[in-house]
């Protein structure tokens, strides 16, 4: 006779050597919280709550979690919330990226260790959603991703402001001497005035869009503003759906597949999404055994138009995208390119969902497939002697006049060196040069911060220079813009070619040919390599030691090597 699978509170009993005693003790302690015997018989839905006093994006989560509970209770389940690591982007040192994998482990292990039949993942801030999805895929328990939602923009001196593209714009004006100290203080208090994530298509909004495109978030939920009543209704619906999943399990590995990952890549390209999106999607896919090739990214980018007119590449904000029809409107335009048979967390295929959605769309925000903002996708991967394993350029946020160019390298050996010298009056630099930052990758000691948005040197900014080619092994905030080559791999800290670049070297970039070349002879490179030494000593203890020993390069999602599943390549070798 087949043994009945344990569910609810009887699942995963604490081991005291007597299962009956373990269940009796667990129920006894649960009743100390006021639960009735009837309630304890229900399927259990865990609610992974990533709120924190150090995470402004999540300050509305108490109300959001209550709405999830309402949905769970109404559907006949027992909601039990539990805390996880929270990653407030601007409050973490050296960078939130270092702790994304730690949060993913926390989410995975708490899902496994605690008795639940399904889980609602409540997150929003940049690295939180990928961490939750990574952990959920690895635990492979029925899961629904609930996004926190974006902020609303603010009216300020006759214009709309929203974190954080506008914060960068005003800071650039401040550096150029066009906004004084009093002005920048006033702007500071008007950039982020509601709960939620950045109001533009930054990393948080990109990951929300990817979560919906993957099928892990309920349809129509990615772009709902954090303070909108629809966000609470989405939370309630997510709780209800989690109970349904607990009774008829559909697991994340059945949703996150080669087909859904390719769909998510298409959406990433069409929305002009963050460069961080490719790193995080690669990590999520890797947990499901799907490996994303940067060459495949280029193939998809060549045939995927940019459709969404949002900052930092356009004019509008996430609240406008929601009013315009949301990510569903984008995916309806992309239907000829999508795998419509991909399964979603609703239990229906993507094609079925898109057929059921209304057809209205605001063309000021979401362009048609036949009349796009750009015929090619927002991201492109470059390869060559400077980046043998690849680098990323967000061409939708860059100046096309700089796409085919050769320039002289002005090299900064570290973030500290950059901070010390970038504004020196005596810095030998012109607008035609290429700014190069090395030793800012995953193993640099800085843990790949969002420092790739190298500031224009002060003397050039004051002269009116707004963009120039910048190259590094760092990342860039999804809210930033410019002709910026990122994620150069192998990184400098492990001796990649970037480590060997010197000021005065010539570098050639060709977006058309997907190339980035260091124009230095092989013989000279061998001599430099022989003299190279690692820039940082390895940590001796704690999470920093674990991180440095096991973090992978950008093209593998910067995940830990021991957490990735055996992979099937999406689109061949990279």
Protein backbone atom coordinates (compact mmCIF):
# COMPACT_ATOMS: atom_id res chain seq x y z
CA UNK A 1 0.00 0.00 0.00
CA UNK A 2 1.38 3.40 -0.97
CA UNK A 3 2.19 5.57 2.03
CA UNK A 4 0.18 8.79 2.23
CA UNK A 5 2.37 11.85 1.75
CA UNK A 6 2.53 14.10 4.81
CA UNK A 7 0.95 17.52 4.46
CA UNK A 8 0.36 20.59 6.58
CA UNK A 9 1.83 20.56 10.08
CA UNK A 10 2.65 16.85 9.74
CA UNK A 11 5.18 17.61 7.03
CA UNK A 12 8.89 17.44 7.83
CA UNK A 13 8.63 16.53 11.49
CA UNK A 14 11.36 17.51 13.94
CA UNK A 15 13.32 14.35 14.70
CA UNK A 16 12.99 13.24 18.32
CA UNK A 17 13.11 9.54 17.45
CA UNK A 18 9.31 9.26 17.81
CA UNK A 19 7.24 10.71 14.91
CA UNK A 20 3.95 10.54 16.82
CA UNK A 21 5.45 12.49 19.70
CA UNK A 22 6.94 15.02 17.25
CA UNK A 23 3.54 15.76 15.72
CA UNK A 24 1.86 15.87 19.15
CA UNK A 25 4.49 18.34 20.40
CA UNK A 26 4.29 20.49 17.25
CA UNK A 27 0.51 20.74 17.44
CA UNK A 28 0.71 21.53 21.15
CA UNK A 29 3.07 24.42 20.55
CA UNK A 30 0.98 25.62 17.58
CA UNK A 31 -2.06 25.72 19.85
CA UNK A 32 -0.13 28.01 22.19
CA UNK A 33 -0.53 30.60 19.42
CA UNK A 34 -4.31 30.27 19.61
CA UNK A 35 -4.97 28.03 16.62
CA UNK A 36 -7.90 25.64 16.76
CA UNK A 37 -7.63 21.94 15.91
CA UNK A 38 -9.71 22.61 12.79
CA UNK A 39 -7.33 25.33 11.58
CA UNK A 40 -4.32 23.08 12.14
CA UNK A 41 -5.79 20.51 9.75
CA UNK A 42 -5.63 22.94 6.84
CA UNK A 43 -2.88 23.02 4.19
CA UNK A 44 -0.11 25.36 5.31
CA UNK A 45 0.99 28.28 3.12
CA UNK A 46 4.26 29.85 4.18
CA UNK A 47 4.71 33.56 3.52
CA UNK A 48 8.36 34.48 3.04
CA UNK A 49 8.47 38.05 4.32
CA UNK A 50 11.53 40.12 3.39
CA UNK A 51 10.64 43.32 5.23
CA UNK A 52 13.31 45.14 7.23
CA UNK A 53 13.91 48.51 8.82
CA UNK A 54 16.89 48.72 6.49
CA UNK A 55 14.72 48.28 3.39
CA UNK A 56 12.67 51.32 2.42
CA UNK A 57 11.25 49.53 -0.63
CA UNK A 58 9.41 47.10 1.65
CA UNK A 59 7.88 49.43 4.23
CA UNK A 60 4.35 48.59 3.05
CA UNK A 61 4.83 44.85 3.49
CA UNK A 62 2.83 44.50 6.74
CA UNK A 63 -0.34 45.46 4.85
CA UNK A 64 0.69 43.33 1.86
CA UNK A 65 1.27 40.25 4.02
CA UNK A 66 -2.12 40.72 5.70
CA UNK A 67 -3.75 40.67 2.26
CA UNK A 68 -1.93 37.43 1.42
CA UNK A 69 -3.21 35.92 4.66
CA UNK A 70 -6.73 37.01 3.78
CA UNK A 71 -6.49 35.15 0.48
CA UNK A 72 -5.06 32.03 2.13
CA UNK A 73 -7.77 31.92 4.81
CA UNK A 74 -10.56 32.51 2.33
CA UNK A 75 -9.32 29.58 0.23
CA UNK A 76 -9.18 27.25 3.22
CA UNK A 77 -5.48 27.34 4.03
CA UNK A 78 -3.44 28.24 7.11
CA UNK A 79 -1.06 31.18 6.48
CA UNK A 80 2.18 31.23 8.46
CA UNK A 81 4.61 34.03 7.74
CA UNK A 82 8.33 33.73 8.35
CA UNK A 83 11.19 36.22 8.01
CA UNK A 84 14.13 35.90 5.68
CA UNK A 85 17.22 37.94 4.92
CA UNK A 86 16.19 41.33 3.47
CA UNK A 87 18.32 43.14 0.90
CA UNK A 88 17.82 46.89 0.97
CA UNK A 89 19.86 47.99 -2.04
CA UNK A 90 21.33 51.25 -0.72
CA UNK A 91 21.83 50.11 2.87
CA UNK A 92 24.27 47.22 2.32
CA UNK A 93 28.06 47.25 2.19
CA UNK A 94 29.96 46.56 0.04
CA UNK A 95 26.92 45.79 -2.15
CA UNK A 96 23.63 43.90 -2.00
CA UNK A 97 24.93 41.60 -4.75
CA UNK A 98 27.28 39.95 -2.29
CA UNK A 99 24.33 38.85 -0.18
CA UNK A 100 21.90 37.75 -2.91
CA UNK A 101 23.16 34.18 -2.74
CA UNK A 102 23.01 34.22 1.07
CA UNK A 103 19.35 35.24 0.89
CA UNK A 104 18.68 32.53 -1.68
CA UNK A 105 20.10 29.92 0.69
CA UNK A 106 18.01 31.33 3.54
CA UNK A 107 14.82 31.15 1.45
CA UNK A 108 15.59 27.65 0.17
CA UNK A 109 16.45 26.19 3.57
CA UNK A 110 13.54 27.79 5.43
CA UNK A 111 11.10 26.50 2.80
CA UNK A 112 12.57 23.03 3.22
CA UNK A 113 12.96 23.05 6.99
CA UNK A 114 9.51 24.35 7.97
CA UNK A 115 6.19 22.55 7.41
CA UNK A 116 4.48 24.18 4.46
CA UNK A 117 2.68 22.90 1.38
CA UNK A 118 3.20 26.04 -0.71
CA UNK A 119 4.85 29.41 -0.29
CA UNK A 120 4.18 33.01 -1.28
CA UNK A 121 7.42 34.91 -1.82
CA UNK A 122 6.96 38.59 -0.93
CA UNK A 123 9.76 40.75 -2.29
CA UNK A 124 10.57 43.78 -4.37
CA UNK A 125 13.97 45.42 -3.92
CA UNK A 126 16.60 44.65 -6.57
CA UNK A 127 18.30 41.45 -5.38
CA UNK A 128 15.38 40.22 -3.28
CA UNK A 129 13.20 38.82 -6.08
CA UNK A 130 16.03 36.90 -7.80
CA UNK A 131 17.16 35.54 -4.42
CA UNK A 132 13.63 34.36 -3.65
CA UNK A 133 13.18 32.76 -7.05
CA UNK A 134 16.59 31.07 -6.84
CA UNK A 135 15.74 29.63 -3.43
CA UNK A 136 12.25 28.59 -4.49
CA UNK A 137 13.48 26.78 -7.60
CA UNK A 138 16.07 24.89 -5.56
CA UNK A 139 13.53 23.93 -2.87
CA UNK A 140 10.99 23.17 -5.64
CA UNK A 141 7.92 23.57 -3.47
CA UNK A 142 4.82 25.13 -5.08
CA UNK A 143 5.45 28.88 -5.00
CA UNK A 144 3.93 32.19 -6.08
CA UNK A 145 6.05 35.33 -6.42
CA UNK A 146 4.33 38.45 -5.08
CA UNK A 147 6.05 41.70 -6.07
CA UNK A 148 6.11 44.74 -3.82
CA UNK A 149 5.47 47.13 -6.71
CA UNK A 150 7.06 50.41 -7.82
CA UNK A 151 6.84 53.86 -6.20
CA UNK A 152 4.67 56.58 -7.65
CA UNK A 153 6.49 59.53 -9.24
CA UNK A 154 6.29 62.93 -7.54
CA UNK A 155 5.43 66.38 -8.91
CA UNK A 156 8.35 68.75 -8.33
CA UNK A 157 8.85 72.24 -9.77
CA UNK A 158 6.67 71.47 -12.77
CA UNK A 159 8.14 68.05 -13.62
CA UNK A 160 7.72 64.45 -12.50
CA UNK A 161 10.47 62.85 -10.45
CA UNK A 162 11.02 59.23 -9.55
CA UNK A 163 13.89 57.29 -8.08
CA UNK A 164 16.40 56.65 -9.30
CA UNK A 165 17.07 57.75 -12.88
CA UNK A 166 16.15 61.29 -11.92
CA UNK A 167 18.45 61.10 -8.90
CA UNK A 168 21.35 60.34 -11.25
CA UNK A 169 20.33 63.13 -13.61
CA UNK A 170 20.30 65.71 -10.83
CA UNK A 171 23.57 64.41 -9.38
CA UNK A 172 25.20 64.78 -12.79
CA UNK A 173 23.92 68.38 -12.91
CA UNK A 174 25.28 68.94 -9.40
CA UNK A 175 28.71 67.59 -10.41
CA UNK A 176 28.64 69.86 -13.44
CA UNK A 177 27.97 72.87 -11.20
CA UNK A 178 24.45 73.45 -12.55
CA UNK A 179 22.61 72.54 -9.31
CA UNK A 180 23.97 73.96 -6.05
CA UNK A 181 24.10 72.34 -2.60
CA UNK A 182 20.75 73.79 -1.53
CA UNK A 183 19.15 72.60 -4.75
CA UNK A 184 20.44 69.06 -4.43
CA UNK A 185 19.21 68.93 -0.81
CA UNK A 186 15.73 69.92 -1.99
CA UNK A 187 15.78 67.30 -4.75
CA UNK A 188 16.91 64.67 -2.23
CA UNK A 189 13.63 65.01 -0.35
CA UNK A 190 11.48 64.68 -3.45
CA UNK A 191 12.91 61.69 -5.34
CA UNK A 192 11.35 58.84 -3.36
CA UNK A 193 8.14 59.81 -1.62
CA UNK A 194 6.04 56.63 -1.47
CA UNK A 195 6.55 53.00 -0.55
CA UNK A 196 7.82 50.70 -3.26
CA UNK A 197 10.77 50.09 -5.54
CA UNK A 198 12.30 52.56 -8.00
CA UNK A 199 9.64 54.13 -10.21
CA UNK A 200 11.54 53.46 -13.45
CA UNK A 201 12.60 50.36 -15.39
CA UNK A 202 15.50 49.73 -13.04
CA UNK A 203 16.56 46.35 -11.72
CA UNK A 204 13.59 45.94 -9.36
CA UNK A 205 11.04 46.65 -12.09
CA UNK A 206 13.00 44.52 -14.54
CA UNK A 207 12.95 41.57 -12.14
CA UNK A 208 9.23 42.06 -11.49
CA UNK A 209 8.68 41.94 -15.24
CA UNK A 210 10.86 38.85 -15.56
CA UNK A 211 8.98 37.12 -12.71
CA UNK A 212 5.70 37.62 -14.59
CA UNK A 213 7.25 36.64 -17.93
CA UNK A 214 8.65 33.43 -16.38
CA UNK A 215 5.16 32.59 -15.16
CA UNK A 216 6.05 32.71 -11.44
CA UNK A 217 3.97 35.82 -10.62
CA UNK A 218 0.28 36.20 -11.31
CA UNK A 219 -0.53 37.78 -14.69
CA UNK A 220 -0.87 41.54 -14.61
CA UNK A 221 0.89 41.90 -11.25
CA UNK A 222 4.39 43.10 -12.22
CA UNK A 223 3.72 46.80 -12.74
CA UNK A 224 1.02 47.56 -10.14
CA UNK A 225 2.22 50.52 -8.03
CA UNK A 226 3.03 49.66 -4.42
CA UNK A 227 0.39 52.04 -3.05
CA UNK A 228 -2.39 51.02 -5.47
CA UNK A 229 -5.35 49.02 -4.13
CA UNK A 230 -4.79 46.54 -6.97
CA UNK A 231 -1.50 45.59 -5.29
CA UNK A 232 -3.45 44.38 -2.24
CA UNK A 233 -5.89 42.53 -4.46
CA UNK A 234 -2.94 40.84 -6.19
CA UNK A 235 -1.63 39.84 -2.76
CA UNK A 236 -4.97 38.31 -1.83
CA UNK A 237 -5.13 36.47 -5.15
CA UNK A 238 -1.56 35.18 -4.64
CA UNK A 239 -2.54 33.74 -1.26
CA UNK A 240 -5.60 32.07 -2.79
CA UNK A 241 -3.56 30.59 -5.62
CA UNK A 242 -0.96 29.25 -3.17
CA UNK A 243 -3.68 27.21 -1.43
CA UNK A 244 -4.77 25.79 -4.78
CA UNK A 245 -1.16 24.86 -5.53
CA UNK A 246 -0.84 23.18 -2.13
CA UNK A 247 -3.73 20.89 -3.08
CA UNK A 248 -2.65 20.25 -6.66
CA UNK A 249 1.09 20.93 -6.79
CA UNK A 250 2.66 22.68 -9.74
CA UNK A 251 6.32 23.12 -8.96
CA UNK A 252 8.72 25.91 -9.97
CA UNK A 253 10.83 23.51 -12.05
CA UNK A 254 7.74 22.83 -14.18
CA UNK A 255 7.37 26.57 -14.78
CA UNK A 256 10.98 27.74 -15.11
CA UNK A 257 12.07 25.83 -18.19
CA UNK A 258 14.05 26.53 -21.35
CA UNK A 259 10.90 27.90 -22.98
CA UNK A 260 9.92 30.24 -20.16
CA UNK A 261 13.50 31.45 -19.74
CA UNK A 262 13.63 32.34 -23.42
CA UNK A 263 10.30 34.14 -23.03
CA UNK A 264 11.75 36.10 -20.11
CA UNK A 265 14.81 37.01 -22.18
CA UNK A 266 12.54 38.34 -24.91
CA UNK A 267 10.66 40.48 -22.40
CA UNK A 268 13.92 41.70 -20.83
CA UNK A 269 15.05 42.89 -24.26
CA UNK A 270 11.70 44.41 -25.22
CA UNK A 271 11.33 46.49 -22.05
CA UNK A 272 14.84 47.92 -22.27
CA UNK A 273 15.48 46.21 -18.95
CA UNK A 274 18.39 46.43 -16.56
CA UNK A 275 21.73 44.84 -17.37
CA UNK A 276 21.42 43.21 -13.95
CA UNK A 277 18.45 41.30 -15.35
CA UNK A 278 20.66 39.03 -17.45
CA UNK A 279 22.84 38.17 -14.43
CA UNK A 280 19.85 37.40 -12.21
CA UNK A 281 17.88 35.50 -14.86
CA UNK A 282 20.98 33.42 -15.60
CA UNK A 283 21.25 32.56 -11.89
CA UNK A 284 17.55 31.68 -11.58
CA UNK A 285 17.66 29.54 -14.73
CA UNK A 286 20.84 27.85 -13.53
CA UNK A 287 19.00 26.59 -10.45
CA UNK A 288 16.57 24.83 -12.81
CA UNK A 289 19.35 23.37 -14.95
CA UNK A 290 18.91 25.85 -17.81
CA UNK A 291 22.06 27.69 -18.82
CA UNK A 292 21.73 30.99 -20.65
CA UNK A 293 24.25 31.65 -23.40
CA UNK A 294 25.33 35.23 -24.12
CA UNK A 295 25.50 34.28 -27.79
CA UNK A 296 21.85 33.25 -27.51
CA UNK A 297 21.16 36.65 -25.95
CA UNK A 298 22.60 38.29 -29.06
CA UNK A 299 20.51 36.08 -31.36
CA UNK A 300 17.34 37.01 -29.48
CA UNK A 301 18.31 40.68 -29.29
CA UNK A 302 18.68 40.88 -33.05
CA UNK A 303 15.05 39.85 -33.50
CA UNK A 304 13.39 41.41 -30.43
CA UNK A 305 12.27 45.05 -30.70
CA UNK A 306 12.29 47.55 -27.83
CA UNK A 307 8.63 48.34 -27.17
CA UNK A 308 8.47 50.15 -23.81
CA UNK A 309 9.11 53.89 -23.50
CA UNK A 310 10.18 54.11 -19.84
CA UNK A 311 13.02 55.83 -18.04
CA UNK A 312 16.00 55.45 -18.08
CA UNK A 313 15.75 54.83 -21.84
CA UNK A 314 12.47 56.70 -22.43
CA UNK A 315 10.09 59.17 -20.82
CA UNK A 316 7.54 57.35 -18.67
CA UNK A 317 7.38 55.58 -15.29
CA UNK A 318 6.22 52.17 -14.10
CA UNK A 319 2.84 53.54 -12.99
CA UNK A 320 2.33 54.62 -16.61
CA UNK A 321 3.19 51.12 -17.81
CA UNK A 322 0.58 49.67 -15.46
CA UNK A 323 -2.07 52.08 -16.75
CA UNK A 324 -1.00 51.28 -20.32
CA UNK A 325 -1.66 47.56 -19.99
CA UNK A 326 1.36 46.24 -18.08
CA UNK A 327 3.67 43.41 -19.04
CA UNK A 328 0.69 41.56 -20.54
CA UNK A 329 0.45 44.26 -23.19
CA UNK A 330 4.15 43.82 -23.95
CA UNK A 331 3.84 40.04 -24.23
CA UNK A 332 0.79 40.31 -26.51
CA UNK A 333 2.95 42.31 -28.93
CA UNK A 334 5.69 39.69 -28.64
CA UNK A 335 3.36 36.71 -29.19
CA UNK A 336 4.93 35.70 -32.53
CA UNK A 337 8.28 35.34 -30.75
CA UNK A 338 7.13 33.63 -27.53
CA UNK A 339 6.68 30.02 -26.51
CA UNK A 340 2.95 30.21 -25.83
CA UNK A 341 2.82 26.64 -24.49
CA UNK A 342 5.00 27.59 -21.49
CA UNK A 343 3.22 26.78 -18.23
CA UNK A 344 2.50 29.49 -15.65
CA UNK A 345 1.79 29.47 -11.93
CA UNK A 346 -1.93 29.86 -12.73
CA UNK A 347 -2.00 26.32 -14.15
CA UNK A 348 -2.69 27.74 -17.61
CA UNK A 349 -0.26 28.27 -20.45
CA UNK A 350 1.06 31.68 -21.39
CA UNK A 351 -0.91 31.54 -24.63
CA UNK A 352 -4.16 30.91 -22.78
CA UNK A 353 -3.48 33.86 -20.46
CA UNK A 354 -2.68 36.24 -23.29
CA UNK A 355 -5.80 35.22 -25.19
CA UNK A 356 -7.91 35.97 -22.12
CA UNK A 357 -6.46 39.44 -21.52
CA UNK A 358 -8.07 42.63 -22.89
CA UNK A 359 -6.53 44.10 -26.00
CA UNK A 360 -6.35 47.82 -25.13
CA UNK A 361 -2.92 49.36 -24.85
CA UNK A 362 -1.61 52.92 -24.55
CA UNK A 363 0.71 53.30 -27.53
CA UNK A 364 2.49 56.26 -25.95
CA UNK A 365 4.00 53.79 -23.46
CA UNK A 366 3.92 50.37 -25.17
CA UNK A 367 4.67 50.52 -28.87
CA UNK A 368 3.37 48.03 -31.40
CA UNK A 369 5.51 45.21 -32.76
CA UNK A 370 5.35 46.82 -36.20
CA UNK A 371 6.27 50.31 -34.95
CA UNK A 372 8.82 49.80 -32.13
CA UNK A 373 11.12 52.25 -30.43
CA UNK A 374 13.98 50.17 -31.80
CA UNK A 375 14.10 47.17 -34.11
CA UNK A 376 16.66 45.47 -31.88
CA UNK A 377 16.66 44.56 -28.19
CA UNK A 378 17.99 46.75 -25.41
CA UNK A 379 20.96 44.55 -24.44
CA UNK A 380 23.87 43.19 -26.44
CA UNK A 381 26.83 40.98 -25.50
CA UNK A 382 30.32 41.85 -26.73
CA UNK A 383 33.23 39.42 -27.10
CA UNK A 384 36.88 39.82 -27.96
CA UNK A 385 40.40 39.98 -26.58
CA UNK A 386 39.30 42.24 -23.72
CA UNK A 387 36.29 40.07 -22.82
CA UNK A 388 36.81 36.47 -24.00
CA UNK A 389 33.80 35.25 -22.01
CA UNK A 390 31.67 38.26 -22.81
CA UNK A 391 30.59 41.69 -21.61
CA UNK A 392 27.23 43.48 -21.66
CA UNK A 393 26.18 46.83 -23.15
CA UNK A 394 22.72 48.35 -22.69
CA UNK A 395 22.50 49.89 -26.11
CA UNK A 396 19.00 51.22 -25.53
CA UNK A 397 20.47 53.53 -22.86
CA UNK A 398 23.62 54.42 -24.82
CA UNK A 399 24.69 56.96 -27.43
CA UNK A 400 24.77 55.25 -30.88
CA UNK A 401 27.48 57.68 -31.97
CA UNK A 402 29.86 55.81 -29.67
CA UNK A 403 29.00 52.29 -30.88
CA UNK A 404 31.80 52.05 -33.45
CA UNK A 405 34.82 53.67 -31.89
CA UNK A 406 38.48 53.32 -30.98
CA UNK A 407 39.88 55.20 -28.00
CA UNK A 408 42.71 55.59 -25.54
CA UNK A 409 42.28 53.87 -22.18
CA UNK A 410 42.32 55.93 -19.00
CA UNK A 411 42.62 53.25 -16.34
CA UNK A 412 41.54 53.21 -12.69
CA UNK A 413 42.91 50.23 -10.81
CA UNK A 414 40.17 50.08 -8.17
CA UNK A 415 37.12 51.89 -6.82
CA UNK A 416 39.33 53.70 -4.34
CA UNK A 417 41.59 54.85 -7.16
CA UNK A 418 38.54 55.99 -9.13
CA UNK A 419 37.21 58.03 -6.20
CA UNK A 420 40.61 59.60 -5.58
CA UNK A 421 41.42 60.67 -9.15
CA UNK A 422 38.29 61.02 -11.30
CA UNK A 423 37.81 64.71 -10.48
CA UNK A 424 41.46 65.73 -10.28
CA UNK A 425 42.04 68.82 -12.43
CA UNK A 426 45.27 67.27 -13.66
CA UNK A 427 43.70 64.00 -14.85
CA UNK A 428 44.84 63.43 -18.41
CA UNK A 429 41.53 62.70 -20.14
CA UNK A 430 39.40 63.86 -23.07
CA UNK A 431 35.87 63.04 -24.17
CA UNK A 432 37.30 60.74 -26.85
CA UNK A 433 39.04 58.51 -24.30
CA UNK A 434 37.65 55.28 -22.78
CA UNK A 435 37.36 55.25 -18.99
CA UNK A 436 38.36 51.81 -17.69
CA UNK A 437 37.73 50.51 -14.18
CA UNK A 438 39.24 47.19 -13.18
CA UNK A 439 39.06 45.06 -10.02
CA UNK A 440 35.35 45.63 -9.41
CA UNK A 441 34.05 42.17 -10.36
CA UNK A 442 32.63 39.31 -8.27
CA UNK A 443 35.96 38.33 -6.65
CA UNK A 444 37.45 41.83 -6.39
CA UNK A 445 36.76 42.33 -2.70
CA UNK A 446 34.02 44.81 -3.68
CA UNK A 447 31.67 41.96 -4.75
CA UNK A 448 30.72 43.45 -8.13
CA UNK A 449 29.02 46.70 -7.04
CA UNK A 450 26.91 48.97 -9.24
CA UNK A 451 29.97 51.09 -9.93
CA UNK A 452 30.11 50.61 -13.69
CA UNK A 453 28.36 53.95 -14.15
CA UNK A 454 31.71 55.74 -13.90
CA UNK A 455 31.11 59.46 -13.45
CA UNK A 456 32.14 61.80 -16.21
CA UNK A 457 35.33 63.52 -14.95
CA UNK A 458 34.34 66.83 -13.36
CA UNK A 459 36.28 68.99 -15.78
CA UNK A 460 34.58 67.27 -18.76
CA UNK A 461 31.13 67.44 -17.11
CA UNK A 462 31.54 71.17 -16.58
CA UNK A 463 32.48 71.48 -20.26
CA UNK A 464 29.17 69.83 -21.24
CA UNK A 465 30.25 66.22 -21.87
CA UNK A 466 27.30 63.94 -21.07
CA UNK A 467 28.52 60.53 -22.25
CA UNK A 468 31.69 58.68 -23.09
CA UNK A 469 32.67 55.02 -23.35
CA UNK A 470 33.16 53.41 -19.94
CA UNK A 471 34.35 49.83 -19.41
CA UNK A 472 34.54 47.67 -16.28
CA UNK A 473 33.92 44.28 -14.69
CA UNK A 474 31.40 45.93 -12.34
CA UNK A 475 27.62 46.12 -12.65
CA UNK A 476 25.42 49.16 -13.25
CA UNK A 477 22.12 50.15 -11.70
CA UNK A 478 19.19 49.52 -13.99
CA UNK A 479 18.27 53.16 -13.43
CA UNK A 480 21.51 54.39 -15.03
CA UNK A 481 22.28 55.26 -18.63
CA UNK A 482 25.24 55.84 -20.93
CA UNK A 483 27.60 53.98 -23.26
CA UNK A 484 28.82 51.61 -20.60
CA UNK A 485 30.37 48.16 -21.09
CA UNK A 486 29.85 45.98 -18.03
CA UNK A 487 30.42 42.49 -16.61
CA UNK A 488 33.72 42.10 -18.50
CA UNK A 489 34.71 38.44 -18.07
CA UNK A 490 37.01 36.96 -16.94
CA UNK A 491 37.21 39.73 -14.36
CA UNK A 492 40.42 41.54 -13.45
CA UNK A 493 40.67 40.07 -9.94
CA UNK A 494 41.28 36.57 -11.35
CA UNK A 495 43.74 37.76 -13.96
CA UNK A 496 41.46 38.35 -16.94
CA UNK A 497 42.66 40.61 -19.77
CA UNK A 498 41.02 43.61 -18.07
CA UNK A 499 43.63 43.29 -15.30
CA UNK A 500 46.38 43.95 -17.81
CA UNK A 501 45.05 47.14 -19.41
CA UNK A 502 47.23 50.21 -18.91
CA UNK A 503 46.51 53.88 -19.46
CA UNK A 504 47.42 54.77 -23.02
CA UNK A 505 46.44 51.38 -24.49
CA UNK A 506 44.06 51.48 -27.45
CA UNK A 507 40.67 49.76 -27.23
CA UNK A 508 38.22 49.22 -30.08
CA UNK A 509 34.49 48.70 -29.60
CA UNK A 510 32.08 47.60 -32.33
CA UNK A 511 28.46 47.02 -31.37
CA UNK A 512 27.72 46.05 -34.96
CA UNK A 513 30.32 43.27 -34.87
CA UNK A 514 29.70 42.47 -31.17
CA UNK A 515 33.40 43.00 -30.48
CA UNK A 516 35.56 44.65 -27.82
CA UNK A 517 39.29 44.40 -28.47
CA UNK A 518 42.36 45.43 -26.52
CA UNK A 519 44.87 46.49 -29.18
CA UNK A 520 47.98 45.22 -27.43
CA UNK A 521 50.29 42.55 -28.86
CA UNK A 522 50.13 38.99 -27.52
CA UNK A 523 53.80 39.18 -26.57
CA UNK A 524 53.24 42.30 -24.46
CA UNK A 525 50.18 40.71 -22.83
CA UNK A 526 52.23 37.64 -21.85
CA UNK A 527 54.82 39.89 -20.19
CA UNK A 528 52.12 41.78 -18.26
CA UNK A 529 50.46 38.54 -17.23
CA UNK A 530 53.72 37.19 -15.83
CA UNK A 531 54.06 40.27 -13.64
CA UNK A 532 50.40 40.27 -12.47
CA UNK A 533 49.51 39.55 -8.84
CA UNK A 534 46.03 39.11 -7.29
CA UNK A 535 44.75 42.46 -5.95
CA UNK A 536 43.23 41.18 -2.69
CA UNK A 537 44.06 38.55 -0.08
CA UNK A 538 41.34 35.90 0.36
CA UNK A 539 39.07 36.29 3.43
CA UNK A 540 39.81 33.90 6.27
CA UNK A 541 36.37 33.40 7.82
CA UNK A 542 32.61 33.74 7.61
CA UNK A 543 30.33 34.35 4.68
CA UNK A 544 32.98 36.43 2.88
CA UNK A 545 35.20 33.34 2.72
CA UNK A 546 32.37 31.17 1.40
CA UNK A 547 31.49 33.83 -1.15
CA UNK A 548 35.00 34.30 -2.49
CA UNK A 549 35.67 30.56 -2.75
CA UNK A 550 32.49 29.70 -4.62
CA UNK A 551 31.10 32.70 -6.55
CA UNK A 552 31.05 32.27 -10.31
CA UNK A 553 31.59 34.83 -13.05
CA UNK A 554 28.92 37.14 -14.45
CA UNK A 555 28.08 34.96 -17.47
CA UNK A 556 27.12 32.21 -15.00
CA UNK A 557 24.93 34.53 -12.95
CA UNK A 558 27.41 35.07 -10.09
CA UNK A 559 25.77 32.14 -8.31
CA UNK A 560 27.68 29.74 -6.07
CA UNK A 561 29.12 26.79 -7.97
CA UNK A 562 27.62 24.23 -5.56
CA UNK A 563 24.07 25.60 -5.88
CA UNK A 564 23.62 25.29 -9.64
CA UNK A 565 21.86 22.28 -11.08
CA UNK A 566 23.49 20.22 -13.85
CA UNK A 567 22.76 22.35 -16.87
CA UNK A 568 21.17 22.02 -20.28
CA UNK A 569 22.34 24.96 -22.39
CA UNK A 570 19.82 27.41 -23.79
CA UNK A 571 21.16 28.14 -27.24
CA UNK A 572 24.46 26.28 -27.13
CA UNK A 573 27.80 27.04 -25.56
CA UNK A 574 28.70 30.59 -24.67
